[in-house]
N, C-alpha and C. Protein backbone atom coordinates (compact mmCIF):
# COMPACT_ATOMS: atom_id res chain seq x y z
N MET A 1 8.11 10.37 11.28
CA MET A 1 9.19 9.10 11.38
C MET A 1 9.91 9.19 9.74
N ALA A 2 11.37 9.22 10.05
CA ALA A 2 12.13 8.88 8.39
C ALA A 2 11.88 7.71 7.90
N LYS A 3 11.96 8.00 6.88
CA LYS A 3 12.02 7.02 5.43
C LYS A 3 13.50 6.33 5.27
N LYS A 4 13.21 5.30 4.85
CA LYS A 4 14.40 4.40 4.67
C LYS A 4 14.40 3.78 3.51
N VAL A 5 15.72 3.89 2.70
CA VAL A 5 15.43 3.46 1.36
C VAL A 5 16.21 1.66 1.52
N ILE A 6 15.55 1.08 1.08
CA ILE A 6 16.05 -0.71 0.31
C ILE A 6 15.63 -0.92 -0.77
N SER A 7 16.31 -1.68 -0.67
CA SER A 7 16.31 -2.35 -1.97
C SER A 7 15.90 -4.36 -2.50
N LEU A 8 14.46 -4.37 -2.35
CA LEU A 8 14.34 -5.37 -2.03
C LEU A 8 14.72 -6.63 -4.53
N SER A 9 14.60 -7.75 -4.43
CA SER A 9 14.76 -8.18 -5.23
C SER A 9 13.13 -9.22 -5.41
N VAL A 10 12.75 -8.79 -6.81
CA VAL A 10 11.16 -10.22 -7.11
C VAL A 10 11.17 -10.09 -8.50
N ASP A 11 10.56 -10.96 -8.55
CA ASP A 11 10.23 -11.39 -9.59
C ASP A 11 9.84 -10.21 -10.85
N GLU A 12 10.33 -10.33 -12.03
CA GLU A 12 10.07 -8.80 -12.97
C GLU A 12 8.58 -9.07 -13.40
N HIS A 13 7.93 -10.24 -14.01
CA HIS A 13 6.49 -10.18 -13.52
C HIS A 13 5.89 -9.86 -13.00
N VAL A 14 6.07 -10.21 -11.50
CA VAL A 14 5.32 -9.92 -10.18
C VAL A 14 4.72 -8.85 -10.11
N HIS A 15 6.60 -7.94 -10.18
CA HIS A 15 6.47 -6.81 -9.94
C HIS A 15 6.07 -6.21 -10.75
N ASP A 16 5.83 -5.72 -11.98
CA ASP A 16 5.22 -5.78 -13.50
C ASP A 16 3.53 -5.34 -13.21
N GLU A 17 3.80 -6.88 -12.50
CA GLU A 17 1.73 -6.94 -12.36
C GLU A 17 0.73 -5.99 -11.38
N TYR A 18 2.12 -6.53 -10.49
CA TYR A 18 1.01 -5.52 -8.83
C TYR A 18 1.19 -3.95 -9.19
N LYS A 19 2.74 -3.59 -10.22
CA LYS A 19 2.79 -1.91 -10.51
C LYS A 19 1.45 -1.90 -11.38
N THR A 20 1.34 -2.41 -11.89
CA THR A 20 0.04 -1.79 -12.80
C THR A 20 -1.02 -1.82 -11.92
N ILE A 21 -1.45 -3.21 -11.01
CA ILE A 21 -2.41 -2.80 -9.76
C ILE A 21 -2.82 -2.15 -9.38
N CYS A 22 -1.51 -1.43 -9.29
CA CYS A 22 -1.31 -0.31 -7.57
C CYS A 22 -1.68 0.77 -8.72
N GLU A 23 -1.52 0.87 -9.88
CA GLU A 23 -1.65 2.63 -10.43
C GLU A 23 -2.37 2.46 -10.77
N LYS A 24 -4.33 1.23 -11.33
CA LYS A 24 -4.88 1.13 -12.11
C LYS A 24 -5.64 1.56 -10.86
N LYS A 25 -5.03 1.52 -8.87
CA LYS A 25 -6.41 1.57 -7.65
C LYS A 25 -5.68 3.26 -7.74
N GLY A 26 -4.57 3.84 -8.06
CA GLY A 26 -3.56 5.19 -7.27
C GLY A 26 -3.03 4.86 -6.32
N LEU A 27 -2.26 3.38 -6.34
CA LEU A 27 -1.00 2.95 -5.10
C LEU A 27 -0.15 3.41 -5.14
N ILE A 28 0.76 3.67 -4.59
CA ILE A 28 2.35 3.31 -4.75
C ILE A 28 2.48 1.95 -4.39
N VAL A 29 3.59 1.59 -4.65
CA VAL A 29 4.13 0.41 -4.46
C VAL A 29 4.31 0.06 -2.87
N SER A 30 5.66 0.69 -2.89
CA SER A 30 6.71 1.30 -1.80
C SER A 30 5.21 1.30 -0.27
N ARG A 31 4.26 2.04 -0.72
CA ARG A 31 3.75 2.45 0.96
C ARG A 31 2.89 1.10 0.63
N GLN A 32 2.41 0.25 0.14
CA GLN A 32 1.30 -1.14 -0.23
C GLN A 32 2.71 -2.10 0.89
N PHE A 33 3.74 -2.30 0.05
CA PHE A 33 4.91 -2.73 0.81
C PHE A 33 4.98 -2.77 2.70
N GLU A 34 4.73 -0.90 2.79
CA GLU A 34 4.73 -0.98 3.85
C GLU A 34 4.00 -0.90 4.89
N ASN A 35 2.76 -1.40 4.20
CA ASN A 35 1.67 -1.45 5.13
C ASN A 35 2.09 -3.38 4.81
N LEU A 36 2.47 -3.92 4.59
CA LEU A 36 2.61 -5.27 4.72
C LEU A 36 3.35 -5.22 5.97
N MET A 37 4.24 -4.79 6.29
CA MET A 37 5.18 -5.25 6.87
C MET A 37 4.05 -4.66 8.46
N ILE A 38 3.64 -3.57 8.34
CA ILE A 38 2.73 -3.28 9.39
C ILE A 38 2.26 -3.50 9.81
N ASP A 39 1.36 -4.70 9.06
CA ASP A 39 0.52 -5.75 9.48
C ASP A 39 1.58 -6.86 9.78
N GLU A 40 2.51 -7.24 9.19
CA GLU A 40 2.58 -8.35 9.68
C GLU A 40 3.44 -8.86 10.76
N ILE A 41 3.84 -6.67 11.66
CA ILE A 41 3.68 -5.85 12.69
C ILE A 41 2.83 -6.44 14.26
N LYS A 42 2.05 -6.46 13.46
CA LYS A 42 0.83 -6.15 14.29
C LYS A 42 0.30 -7.77 14.61
N LYS A 43 0.92 -8.49 13.95
CA LYS A 43 0.05 -9.86 14.13
C LYS A 43 1.21 -10.30 14.91
N SER A 44 2.49 -10.47 14.95
CA SER A 44 3.83 -10.91 15.29
C SER A 44 3.31 -10.51 16.76
N LYS A 45 2.65 -9.06 17.64
CA LYS A 45 2.86 -8.96 18.38
C LYS A 45 1.87 -9.33 19.10
N GLU A 46 0.71 -9.93 18.44
CA GLU A 46 -0.20 -10.00 19.08
C GLU A 46 -0.80 -11.60 18.86
N SER A 47 0.38 -12.14 18.35
CA SER A 47 0.45 -13.62 18.81
C SER A 47 1.37 -13.81 20.10
N LYS A 48 2.26 -12.99 20.42
CA LYS A 48 3.06 -13.34 20.92
C LYS A 48 2.10 -13.37 23.13
N ASN A 49 1.09 -11.83 22.70
CA ASN A 49 -0.23 -12.36 23.64
C ASN A 49 -0.92 -13.42 24.07
């Protein structure tokens, strides 16, 4: 699957804290956001059924 580069605007403090959490857990911020989007897509499809 091809990857698409996007730009997001978030509160600097929120980003810094979340990035620190991800680093401690060995996670990648962009992958976590992708997982969030996947979960929301699944929820949306489930609610339509």
